[in-house]
Amino acid sequence: MTALMMGMMEPPPEIEGEFHDWYDMEHLPSRTEVPGFLTGNRFVCVEGWPRYVAWYDLESLDVLESPAYKAISGKNTSPWSKRLVPMCHGYFRTLGVQTYPGNALFGEKGPCSRILVLRFNTPDDAAIPDILTGLRALFEGRPETVQFRLFRSEFGGLYYVAMIELQRAINISNLAIEKFGKAARYLDLTNVYLPYFRKGKTPPGAY
């Protein structure tokens, strides 16, 4: 099964320009060059918080134990990263294994105009099956849905994170969360993101 590395954060206004320079010119490229990183994309939040998320698909979590990744992380994190990251708000980083469908990658079913990210925080064992049941009930076969994936993370606690790739907007205020059954009470994040791209660059997924 493929894996996920996801990082959410929001820089204070006074460093936002430098934050994008750091992410676009150093942080994201250094990771996507590591063998075993299959995709790497940034998104900007239009409903929810924090404002930015980076999402990487990995061959497996073992990639994060490789010499190539260790050379740019941990004690080898760049001085630029060490200075900027502590200044950001809403920091949430998680690592997980794809439990559904198993090996799908971002964008492989075609372009999407936005993504919906759902997070279930510390669900109990009885509630876990209801997460996938709810995702299927809400998004499977829906014309807006490109694909959806589910990840289990045991990094810093137990989380289930769903990424739903959408062709067009849906009204998340009307999301029938009761479809998640016992898992609905553990849903603590429902963020909508648009693909981020740097000025002068082609938006991800553009024709």
Protein backbone atom coordinates (compact mmCIF):
# COMPACT_ATOMS: atom_id res chain seq x y z
CA MET A 1 0.00 0.00 0.00
CA THR A 2 1.20 3.50 -0.79
CA ALA A 3 1.57 6.08 1.95
CA LEU A 4 1.03 9.73 2.67
CA MET A 5 3.01 12.58 4.15
CA MET A 6 0.92 15.68 4.74
CA GLY A 7 1.80 19.01 6.31
CA MET A 8 -0.62 21.84 7.15
CA MET A 9 0.45 25.30 8.28
CA GLU A 10 -0.24 29.00 7.90
CA PRO A 11 2.48 31.65 7.94
CA PRO A 12 1.91 35.04 9.59
CA PRO A 13 1.28 37.78 6.98
CA GLU A 14 4.69 39.37 7.39
CA ILE A 15 6.54 36.28 6.13
CA GLU A 16 4.02 34.90 3.63
CA GLY A 17 6.08 35.87 0.57
CA GLU A 18 9.20 34.26 1.99
CA PHE A 19 7.15 31.22 3.04
CA HIS A 20 6.16 30.58 -0.59
CA ASP A 21 9.72 31.11 -1.79
CA TRP A 22 10.93 28.56 0.76
CA TYR A 23 8.23 26.02 -0.08
CA ASP A 24 8.46 26.39 -3.86
CA MET A 25 12.22 26.72 -4.24
CA GLU A 26 13.57 24.51 -1.47
CA HIS A 27 11.19 22.48 0.65
CA LEU A 28 8.89 20.78 -1.85
CA PRO A 29 11.55 20.20 -4.57
CA SER A 30 13.97 18.68 -2.09
CA ARG A 31 11.38 16.12 -1.09
CA THR A 32 10.00 15.23 -4.50
CA GLU A 33 13.56 14.49 -5.65
CA VAL A 34 13.88 11.74 -3.01
CA PRO A 35 13.43 8.24 -4.51
CA GLY A 36 10.08 6.84 -3.39
CA PHE A 37 8.25 10.19 -3.39
CA LEU A 38 5.65 9.62 -6.11
CA THR A 39 3.78 12.95 -6.08
CA GLY A 40 4.10 16.28 -4.33
CA ASN A 41 1.50 19.05 -4.48
CA ARG A 42 0.53 22.17 -2.59
CA PHE A 43 -3.00 23.47 -2.01
CA VAL A 44 -4.56 26.65 -0.64
CA CYS A 45 -7.57 26.50 1.67
CA VAL A 46 -10.80 28.25 0.64
CA GLU A 47 -13.02 26.72 3.33
CA GLY A 48 -11.42 25.91 6.67
CA TRP A 49 -8.02 26.48 8.26
CA PRO A 50 -4.98 26.42 8.19
CA ARG A 51 -4.49 28.01 4.82
CA TYR A 52 -1.87 25.77 3.17
CA VAL A 53 -1.33 22.06 2.88
CA ALA A 54 1.32 20.01 1.11
CA TRP A 55 0.47 16.43 0.18
CA TYR A 56 2.99 13.79 -0.89
CA ASP A 57 2.28 10.25 -2.09
CA LEU A 58 5.00 7.79 -1.08
CA GLU A 59 5.80 4.26 -2.19
CA SER A 60 5.67 3.36 1.50
CA LEU A 61 6.54 4.87 4.86
CA ASP A 62 9.92 3.13 4.57
CA VAL A 63 10.92 5.95 2.21
CA LEU A 64 11.18 8.21 5.26
CA GLU A 65 13.87 5.92 6.69
CA SER A 66 15.99 6.08 3.55
CA PRO A 67 19.41 7.78 3.53
CA ALA A 68 18.19 10.22 0.87
CA TYR A 69 15.32 11.46 3.04
CA LYS A 70 17.35 11.50 6.26
CA ALA A 71 19.87 13.71 4.49
CA ILE A 72 17.28 16.53 4.29
CA SER A 73 15.26 15.97 7.47
CA GLY A 74 15.68 15.72 11.24
CA LYS A 75 19.07 17.04 12.30
CA ASN A 76 19.79 17.76 8.64
CA THR A 77 16.81 20.07 8.16
CA SER A 78 17.89 23.23 6.36
CA PRO A 79 18.50 26.48 8.27
CA TRP A 80 15.72 28.09 6.23
CA SER A 81 13.25 25.42 7.41
CA LYS A 82 14.41 25.68 11.02
CA ARG A 83 13.74 29.41 10.97
CA LEU A 84 10.40 29.52 9.14
CA VAL A 85 8.44 26.51 10.38
CA PRO A 86 8.34 27.57 14.08
CA MET A 87 6.91 30.92 12.99
CA CYS A 88 3.88 29.32 11.32
CA HIS A 89 0.49 28.68 12.91
CA GLY A 90 -1.81 25.67 12.74
CA TYR A 91 1.04 23.23 12.16
CA PHE A 92 -0.18 19.66 11.66
CA ARG A 93 1.96 16.96 10.10
CA THR A 94 0.90 13.39 9.65
CA LEU A 95 2.12 10.18 8.02
CA GLY A 96 -0.19 7.38 7.01
CA VAL A 97 -0.83 4.24 5.00
CA GLN A 98 -3.48 4.18 2.29
CA THR A 99 -6.23 1.84 3.43
CA TYR A 100 -8.56 2.57 0.47
CA PRO A 101 -8.31 1.85 -2.37
CA GLY A 102 -4.71 0.90 -1.58
CA ASN A 103 -2.31 2.25 -4.19
CA ALA A 104 -4.08 5.16 -5.87
CA LEU A 105 -2.13 8.35 -6.53
CA PHE A 106 -3.24 11.95 -6.63
CA GLY A 107 -4.41 12.94 -10.11
CA GLU A 108 -4.32 9.49 -11.67
CA LYS A 109 -8.07 9.55 -12.42
CA GLY A 110 -7.84 12.92 -14.16
CA PRO A 111 -7.68 16.58 -13.19
CA CYS A 112 -9.58 18.01 -10.26
CA SER A 113 -10.50 21.62 -9.50
CA ARG A 114 -10.37 21.22 -5.70
CA ILE A 115 -9.93 18.70 -2.92
CA LEU A 116 -11.86 18.05 0.26
CA VAL A 117 -9.81 16.85 3.23
CA LEU A 118 -11.59 15.15 6.14
CA ARG A 119 -9.87 14.15 9.38
CA PHE A 120 -11.21 11.73 11.97
CA ASN A 121 -9.41 12.18 15.30
CA THR A 122 -8.83 9.09 17.46
CA PRO A 123 -11.85 7.02 16.37
CA ASP A 124 -12.56 3.93 18.44
CA ASP A 125 -12.42 0.49 16.86
CA ALA A 126 -16.19 0.23 16.45
CA ALA A 127 -16.33 3.50 14.50
CA ILE A 128 -13.50 2.87 12.05
CA PRO A 129 -15.49 0.78 9.50
CA ASP A 130 -18.10 3.55 9.32
CA ILE A 131 -15.55 5.99 7.86
CA LEU A 132 -15.23 4.13 4.55
CA THR A 133 -18.95 3.34 4.55
CA GLY A 134 -19.68 7.06 4.86
CA LEU A 135 -17.21 8.03 2.16
CA ARG A 136 -18.80 5.59 -0.25
CA ALA A 137 -22.30 6.79 0.58
CA LEU A 138 -21.36 10.45 0.14
CA PHE A 139 -18.96 10.41 -2.80
CA GLU A 140 -18.99 7.14 -4.75
CA GLY A 141 -20.63 7.56 -8.15
CA ARG A 142 -21.23 11.27 -7.60
CA PRO A 143 -20.63 13.34 -10.77
CA GLU A 144 -18.40 15.79 -8.90
CA THR A 145 -16.11 13.06 -7.58
CA VAL A 146 -12.90 12.21 -9.43
CA GLN A 147 -11.70 9.79 -6.75
CA PHE A 148 -11.40 9.48 -2.99
CA ARG A 149 -8.76 7.87 -0.81
CA LEU A 150 -8.47 7.02 2.88
CA PHE A 151 -5.32 6.88 5.02
CA ARG A 152 -4.65 5.59 8.51
CA SER A 153 -2.08 7.50 10.54
CA GLU A 154 -0.59 6.49 13.86
CA PHE A 155 1.83 9.44 13.87
CA GLY A 156 1.27 11.50 17.04
CA GLY A 157 -2.04 9.75 17.68
CA LEU A 158 -4.58 7.79 15.63
CA TYR A 159 -6.08 9.67 12.69
CA TYR A 160 -7.95 8.71 9.57
CA VAL A 161 -7.52 11.23 6.77
CA ALA A 162 -9.63 11.21 3.61
CA MET A 163 -8.77 13.10 0.43
CA ILE A 164 -11.62 13.59 -2.04
CA GLU A 165 -10.67 14.94 -5.47
CA LEU A 166 -13.53 16.93 -6.98
CA GLN A 167 -14.23 18.32 -10.44
CA ARG A 168 -16.36 21.14 -9.08
CA ALA A 169 -17.56 22.64 -5.82
CA ILE A 170 -19.94 20.95 -3.45
CA ASN A 171 -21.72 22.53 -0.50
CA ILE A 172 -19.90 21.07 2.48
CA SER A 173 -22.22 22.86 4.92
CA ASN A 174 -24.87 20.40 3.74
CA LEU A 175 -22.61 17.37 4.00
CA ALA A 176 -24.68 14.55 5.48
CA ILE A 177 -22.15 13.59 8.16
CA GLU A 178 -24.68 11.19 9.66
CA LYS A 179 -23.62 8.88 6.83
CA PHE A 180 -20.44 8.32 8.85
CA GLY A 181 -22.46 6.63 11.58
CA LYS A 182 -20.43 6.10 14.75
CA ALA A 183 -17.44 7.86 13.15
CA ALA A 184 -19.25 11.20 12.73
CA ARG A 185 -18.40 12.30 16.26
CA TYR A 186 -14.68 11.99 15.50
CA LEU A 187 -14.75 14.25 12.42
CA ASP A 188 -12.76 17.35 13.43
CA LEU A 189 -11.62 18.85 10.11
CA THR A 190 -13.48 19.48 6.82
CA ASN A 191 -11.27 21.69 4.66
CA VAL A 192 -11.68 22.55 0.98
CA TYR A 193 -8.51 23.36 -0.97
CA LEU A 194 -7.69 24.58 -4.46
CA PRO A 195 -4.47 23.59 -6.25
CA TYR A 196 -1.74 26.11 -5.53
CA PHE A 197 0.56 27.33 -8.28
CA ARG A 198 3.19 30.02 -8.48
CA LYS A 199 2.62 33.14 -10.58
CA GLY A 200 3.50 32.51 -14.19
CA LYS A 201 3.26 28.73 -13.83
CA THR A 202 0.64 26.40 -15.25
CA PRO A 203 -1.98 25.36 -12.67
CA PRO A 204 -1.79 21.66 -11.78
CA GLY A 205 -4.27 19.67 -13.84
CA ALA A 206 -4.75 22.43 -16.42
CA TYR A 207 -5.41 21.32 -19.97
